[in-house]
Amino acid sequence: MKIYTRTGDTGETALFDNSRVSKADPRVDAYGEVDELNAWLGLVRASGLDADLDAELIRIQRDLFAVGAQLADPAERLADRVTKAFVADEDVERLERLIDRIEQELPPLTRFILPGGAAAGSALHVARTVCRRAERRIVGLTPAADDLLIRYVNRLSDLLFVLARAVNHRAHQPETEW
């Protein structure tokens, strides 16, 4: 498979249903934001994490490929048999359980905190903001995106905040309150 195809040289790209759209199309923008989020999570992983958190981020990165695939499929032509191309209610529930588990090791929040801390914690704060931007793009799609995608990305941004706090807490980096 060649990396370059020249099919995008005119500023268009193909969606999963083979329709051609502008690279500035809101749907392309939405899955581009998801792709950027995935890259930030790769940077977080490269910054050094405890093995338990690294394993969770790998799973989330795989989920994000599925989110991107679903966003690139406006006609919903992805075959149900391609299970790795879908996120499900169970994935949202998995994120919620992870948030609950990690919050148990953290001191309760009493104020807003400034993003920062260790390199991985700071990168997780950036990833959280990219996740929120992706969510805004997904919410704005017409036709509307599957509600499940919106719930997944919304919960993911909450998780990324908690992960940033956990990484900083484990690194003994104090939180700076606002």
C-alpha atoms as a PDB file:
ATOM      1  CA  MET A   1       0.000   0.000   0.000  1.00  0.00           C
ATOM      2  CA  LYS A   2       1.429   3.374  -0.984  1.00  0.00           C
ATOM      3  CA  ILE A   3       1.330   6.231   1.481  1.00  0.00           C
ATOM      4  CA  TYR A   4       0.538   8.780  -1.199  1.00  0.00           C
ATOM      5  CA  THR A   5      -2.366   8.338  -3.591  1.00  0.00           C
ATOM      6  CA  ARG A   6      -2.646  11.826  -5.080  1.00  0.00           C
ATOM      7  CA  THR A   7      -6.444  11.592  -4.714  1.00  0.00           C
ATOM      8  CA  GLY A   8      -6.417  14.420  -2.173  1.00  0.00           C
ATOM      9  CA  ASP A   9      -4.386  16.818  -4.276  1.00  0.00           C
ATOM     10  CA  THR A  10      -7.488  18.844  -5.169  1.00  0.00           C
ATOM     11  CA  GLY A  11      -8.476  19.392  -1.523  1.00  0.00           C
ATOM     12  CA  GLU A  12     -10.984  16.563  -1.357  1.00  0.00           C
ATOM     13  CA  THR A  13     -11.021  13.241   0.445  1.00  0.00           C
ATOM     14  CA  ALA A  14     -13.220  10.154   0.400  1.00  0.00           C
ATOM     15  CA  LEU A  15     -15.497   9.128   3.214  1.00  0.00           C
ATOM     16  CA  PHE A  16     -16.161   5.466   3.975  1.00  0.00           C
ATOM     17  CA  ASP A  17     -19.149   5.425   1.594  1.00  0.00           C
ATOM     18  CA  ASN A  18     -16.787   6.600  -1.198  1.00  0.00           C
ATOM     19  CA  SER A  19     -18.425  10.022  -1.431  1.00  0.00           C
ATOM     20  CA  ARG A  20     -15.913  12.831  -2.060  1.00  0.00           C
ATOM     21  CA  VAL A  21     -15.985  15.815   0.262  1.00  0.00           C
ATOM     22  CA  SER A  22     -13.823  18.839   0.923  1.00  0.00           C
ATOM     23  CA  LYS A  23     -11.048  18.303   3.441  1.00  0.00           C
ATOM     24  CA  ALA A  24     -12.658  21.265   5.220  1.00  0.00           C
ATOM     25  CA  ASP A  25     -15.951  19.333   5.582  1.00  0.00           C
ATOM     26  CA  PRO A  26     -17.199  19.319   9.195  1.00  0.00           C
ATOM     27  CA  ARG A  27     -17.163  15.502   9.264  1.00  0.00           C
ATOM     28  CA  VAL A  28     -13.521  15.410   8.168  1.00  0.00           C
ATOM     29  CA  ASP A  29     -12.770  18.101  10.738  1.00  0.00           C
ATOM     30  CA  ALA A  30     -14.448  16.014  13.465  1.00  0.00           C
ATOM     31  CA  TYR A  31     -12.487  12.853  12.786  1.00  0.00           C
ATOM     32  CA  GLY A  32      -9.346  14.943  12.331  1.00  0.00           C
ATOM     33  CA  GLU A  33      -9.793  16.239  15.878  1.00  0.00           C
ATOM     34  CA  VAL A  34     -10.164  12.642  17.074  1.00  0.00           C
ATOM     35  CA  ASP A  35      -6.954  11.786  15.232  1.00  0.00           C
ATOM     36  CA  GLU A  36      -5.154  14.679  16.941  1.00  0.00           C
ATOM     37  CA  LEU A  37      -6.428  13.473  20.304  1.00  0.00           C
ATOM     38  CA  ASN A  38      -5.065  10.012  19.549  1.00  0.00           C
ATOM     39  CA  ALA A  39      -1.665  11.512  18.721  1.00  0.00           C
ATOM     40  CA  TRP A  40      -1.643  13.437  22.021  1.00  0.00           C
ATOM     41  CA  LEU A  41      -2.353  10.197  23.858  1.00  0.00           C
ATOM     42  CA  GLY A  42       0.632   8.692  22.063  1.00  0.00           C
ATOM     43  CA  LEU A  43       2.746  11.578  23.376  1.00  0.00           C
ATOM     44  CA  VAL A  44       1.403  10.977  26.874  1.00  0.00           C
ATOM     45  CA  ARG A  45       2.377   7.318  26.625  1.00  0.00           C
ATOM     46  CA  ALA A  46       5.853   8.269  25.400  1.00  0.00           C
ATOM     47  CA  SER A  47       6.243  10.549  28.432  1.00  0.00           C
ATOM     48  CA  GLY A  48       6.285   7.571  30.742  1.00  0.00           C
ATOM     49  CA  LEU A  49       3.302   6.197  32.617  1.00  0.00           C
ATOM     50  CA  ASP A  50       2.639   3.512  35.145  1.00  0.00           C
ATOM     51  CA  ALA A  51       1.836   0.241  33.392  1.00  0.00           C
ATOM     52  CA  ASP A  52      -1.824   0.247  34.482  1.00  0.00           C
ATOM     53  CA  LEU A  53      -2.459   3.680  32.953  1.00  0.00           C
ATOM     54  CA  ASP A  54      -0.477   2.888  29.817  1.00  0.00           C
ATOM     55  CA  ALA A  55      -2.615  -0.195  29.197  1.00  0.00           C
ATOM     56  CA  GLU A  56      -5.799   1.869  29.575  1.00  0.00           C
ATOM     57  CA  LEU A  57      -4.524   4.498  27.122  1.00  0.00           C
ATOM     58  CA  ILE A  58      -3.692   1.828  24.543  1.00  0.00           C
ATOM     59  CA  ARG A  59      -7.279   0.606  24.757  1.00  0.00           C
ATOM     60  CA  ILE A  60      -8.576   4.176  24.438  1.00  0.00           C
ATOM     61  CA  GLN A  61      -6.367   4.771  21.400  1.00  0.00           C
ATOM     62  CA  ARG A  62      -7.946   1.722  19.782  1.00  0.00           C
ATOM     63  CA  ASP A  63     -11.391   3.077  20.694  1.00  0.00           C
ATOM     64  CA  LEU A  64     -10.515   6.378  19.050  1.00  0.00           C
ATOM     65  CA  PHE A  65      -9.767   4.605  15.773  1.00  0.00           C
ATOM     66  CA  ALA A  66     -13.280   3.169  16.010  1.00  0.00           C
ATOM     67  CA  VAL A  67     -14.751   6.617  16.726  1.00  0.00           C
ATOM     68  CA  GLY A  68     -12.928   8.010  13.683  1.00  0.00           C
ATOM     69  CA  ALA A  69     -14.183   5.158  11.515  1.00  0.00           C
ATOM     70  CA  GLN A  70     -17.765   5.762  12.618  1.00  0.00           C
ATOM     71  CA  LEU A  71     -17.422   9.488  11.944  1.00  0.00           C
ATOM     72  CA  ALA A  72     -16.028   8.764   8.462  1.00  0.00           C
ATOM     73  CA  ASP A  73     -19.079   6.613   7.719  1.00  0.00           C
ATOM     74  CA  PRO A  74     -22.066   8.953   7.225  1.00  0.00           C
ATOM     75  CA  ALA A  75     -24.085   6.266   5.423  1.00  0.00           C
ATOM     76  CA  GLU A  76     -23.457   3.763   8.228  1.00  0.00           C
ATOM     77  CA  ARG A  77     -21.998   1.191   5.847  1.00  0.00           C
ATOM     78  CA  LEU A  78     -19.459  -0.247   8.249  1.00  0.00           C
ATOM     79  CA  ALA A  79     -20.235  -3.923   8.532  1.00  0.00           C
ATOM     80  CA  ASP A  80     -21.475  -5.040  11.938  1.00  0.00           C
ATOM     81  CA  ARG A  81     -18.973  -7.886  11.741  1.00  0.00           C
ATOM     82  CA  VAL A  82     -16.113  -5.369  11.992  1.00  0.00           C
ATOM     83  CA  THR A  83     -16.534  -5.045  15.754  1.00  0.00           C
ATOM     84  CA  LYS A  84     -13.248  -3.232  16.256  1.00  0.00           C
ATOM     85  CA  ALA A  85     -14.687  -0.342  14.216  1.00  0.00           C
ATOM     86  CA  PHE A  86     -17.370   0.428  16.806  1.00  0.00           C
ATOM     87  CA  VAL A  87     -17.583   1.771  20.307  1.00  0.00           C
ATOM     88  CA  ALA A  88     -20.450   0.477  22.414  1.00  0.00           C
ATOM     89  CA  ASP A  89     -22.278   1.303  25.631  1.00  0.00           C
ATOM     90  CA  GLU A  90     -19.884  -1.057  27.406  1.00  0.00           C
ATOM     91  CA  ASP A  91     -16.993   1.213  26.408  1.00  0.00           C
ATOM     92  CA  VAL A  92     -18.652   4.237  28.033  1.00  0.00           C
ATOM     93  CA  GLU A  93     -19.294   2.147  31.140  1.00  0.00           C
ATOM     94  CA  ARG A  94     -15.648   1.027  31.132  1.00  0.00           C
ATOM     95  CA  LEU A  95     -14.546   4.682  31.153  1.00  0.00           C
ATOM     96  CA  GLU A  96     -16.911   5.438  34.038  1.00  0.00           C
ATOM     97  CA  ARG A  97     -15.555   2.525  36.089  1.00  0.00           C
ATOM     98  CA  LEU A  98     -12.017   3.720  35.408  1.00  0.00           C
ATOM     99  CA  ILE A  99     -12.870   7.265  36.503  1.00  0.00           C
ATOM    100  CA  ASP A 100     -14.403   5.919  39.726  1.00  0.00           C
ATOM    101  CA  ARG A 101     -11.413   3.664  40.422  1.00  0.00           C
ATOM    102  CA  ILE A 102      -8.792   6.345  39.826  1.00  0.00           C
ATOM    103  CA  GLU A 103     -10.650   9.030  41.777  1.00  0.00           C
ATOM    104  CA  GLN A 104     -10.353   6.829  44.876  1.00  0.00           C
ATOM    105  CA  GLU A 105      -6.604   7.475  44.971  1.00  0.00           C
ATOM    106  CA  LEU A 106      -6.973  11.262  44.627  1.00  0.00           C
ATOM    107  CA  PRO A 107      -7.712  13.962  47.161  1.00  0.00           C
ATOM    108  CA  PRO A 108     -11.151  15.484  46.593  1.00  0.00           C
ATOM    109  CA  LEU A 109     -11.346  18.579  44.415  1.00  0.00           C
ATOM    110  CA  THR A 110     -12.373  21.733  46.240  1.00  0.00           C
ATOM    111  CA  ARG A 111     -11.339  24.312  43.651  1.00  0.00           C
ATOM    112  CA  PHE A 112     -10.434  24.590  40.000  1.00  0.00           C
ATOM    113  CA  ILE A 113      -6.850  23.597  39.258  1.00  0.00           C
ATOM    114  CA  LEU A 114      -4.447  24.990  36.710  1.00  0.00           C
ATOM    115  CA  PRO A 115      -3.217  22.553  34.042  1.00  0.00           C
ATOM    116  CA  GLY A 116       0.391  21.551  34.583  1.00  0.00           C
ATOM    117  CA  GLY A 117       2.513  19.189  36.587  1.00  0.00           C
ATOM    118  CA  ALA A 118       4.628  16.357  35.248  1.00  0.00           C
ATOM    119  CA  ALA A 119       5.147  16.057  31.481  1.00  0.00           C
ATOM    120  CA  ALA A 120       2.593  13.257  31.113  1.00  0.00           C
ATOM    121  CA  GLY A 121       0.096  15.061  33.371  1.00  0.00           C
ATOM    122  CA  SER A 122       0.447  18.277  31.399  1.00  0.00           C
ATOM    123  CA  ALA A 123       0.047  16.420  28.098  1.00  0.00           C
ATOM    124  CA  LEU A 124      -3.104  14.778  29.470  1.00  0.00           C
ATOM    125  CA  HIS A 125      -4.506  18.237  30.202  1.00  0.00           C
ATOM    126  CA  VAL A 126      -3.823  19.185  26.562  1.00  0.00           C
ATOM    127  CA  ALA A 127      -5.418  15.925  25.414  1.00  0.00           C
ATOM    128  CA  ARG A 128      -8.486  16.788  27.502  1.00  0.00           C
ATOM    129  CA  THR A 129      -8.891  20.131  25.727  1.00  0.00           C
ATOM    130  CA  VAL A 130      -8.450  18.481  22.321  1.00  0.00           C
ATOM    131  CA  CYS A 131     -11.061  15.921  23.362  1.00  0.00           C
ATOM    132  CA  ARG A 132     -13.508  18.714  24.236  1.00  0.00           C
ATOM    133  CA  ARG A 133     -12.850  20.337  20.861  1.00  0.00           C
ATOM    134  CA  ALA A 134     -13.506  17.015  19.126  1.00  0.00           C
ATOM    135  CA  GLU A 135     -16.736  16.721  21.081  1.00  0.00           C
ATOM    136  CA  ARG A 136     -17.865  20.171  19.899  1.00  0.00           C
ATOM    137  CA  ARG A 137     -17.142  19.194  16.296  1.00  0.00           C
ATOM    138  CA  ILE A 138     -19.024  15.908  16.651  1.00  0.00           C
ATOM    139  CA  VAL A 139     -22.030  17.584  18.277  1.00  0.00           C
ATOM    140  CA  GLY A 140     -22.217  20.050  15.379  1.00  0.00           C
ATOM    141  CA  LEU A 141     -22.455  17.426  12.614  1.00  0.00           C
ATOM    142  CA  THR A 142     -25.377  17.264  10.214  1.00  0.00           C
ATOM    143  CA  PRO A 143     -26.673  14.646   9.949  1.00  0.00           C
ATOM    144  CA  ALA A 144     -26.128  14.163  13.646  1.00  0.00           C
ATOM    145  CA  ALA A 145     -23.547  11.695  14.873  1.00  0.00           C
ATOM    146  CA  ASP A 146     -24.604   8.673  16.879  1.00  0.00           C
ATOM    147  CA  ASP A 147     -25.410   9.733  20.465  1.00  0.00           C
ATOM    148  CA  LEU A 148     -23.112   6.978  21.675  1.00  0.00           C
ATOM    149  CA  LEU A 149     -20.096   8.707  20.104  1.00  0.00           C
ATOM    150  CA  ILE A 150     -20.971  11.924  21.893  1.00  0.00           C
ATOM    151  CA  ARG A 151     -21.337  10.124  25.226  1.00  0.00           C
ATOM    152  CA  TYR A 152     -18.056   8.283  24.718  1.00  0.00           C
ATOM    153  CA  VAL A 153     -16.077  11.435  23.904  1.00  0.00           C
ATOM    154  CA  ASN A 154     -17.753  13.379  26.713  1.00  0.00           C
ATOM    155  CA  ARG A 155     -16.853  10.699  29.251  1.00  0.00           C
ATOM    156  CA  LEU A 156     -13.360  10.441  27.813  1.00  0.00           C
ATOM    157  CA  SER A 157     -12.675  14.118  28.481  1.00  0.00           C
ATOM    158  CA  ASP A 158     -13.719  13.574  32.111  1.00  0.00           C
ATOM    159  CA  LEU A 159     -11.389  10.590  32.310  1.00  0.00           C
ATOM    160  CA  LEU A 160      -8.471  12.536  30.825  1.00  0.00           C
ATOM    161  CA  PHE A 161      -8.877  15.168  33.541  1.00  0.00           C
ATOM    162  CA  VAL A 162      -8.846  12.487  36.231  1.00  0.00           C
ATOM    163  CA  LEU A 163      -5.859  10.783  34.600  1.00  0.00           C
ATOM    164  CA  ALA A 164      -3.947  14.081  34.535  1.00  0.00           C
ATOM    165  CA  ARG A 165      -4.596  14.477  38.252  1.00  0.00           C
ATOM    166  CA  ALA A 166      -3.591  10.869  38.934  1.00  0.00           C
ATOM    167  CA  VAL A 167      -0.365  11.086  36.952  1.00  0.00           C
ATOM    168  CA  ASN A 168       0.590  14.274  38.779  1.00  0.00           C
ATOM    169  CA  HIS A 169      -0.406  12.813  42.145  1.00  0.00           C
ATOM    170  CA  ARG A 170       1.658   9.676  41.540  1.00  0.00           C
ATOM    171  CA  ALA A 171       4.603  11.886  40.495  1.00  0.00           C
ATOM    172  CA  HIS A 172       4.206  13.926  43.705  1.00  0.00           C
ATOM    173  CA  GLN A 173       3.489  17.053  41.661  1.00  0.00           C
ATOM    174  CA  PRO A 174       1.232  19.396  43.641  1.00  0.00           C
ATOM    175  CA  GLU A 175      -1.878  20.841  42.023  1.00  0.00           C
ATOM    176  CA  THR A 176      -1.975  24.604  41.651  1.00  0.00           C
ATOM    177  CA  GLU A 177      -5.397  25.893  42.604  1.00  0.00           C
ATOM    178  CA  TRP A 178      -7.056  28.816  40.906  1.00  0.00           C
END
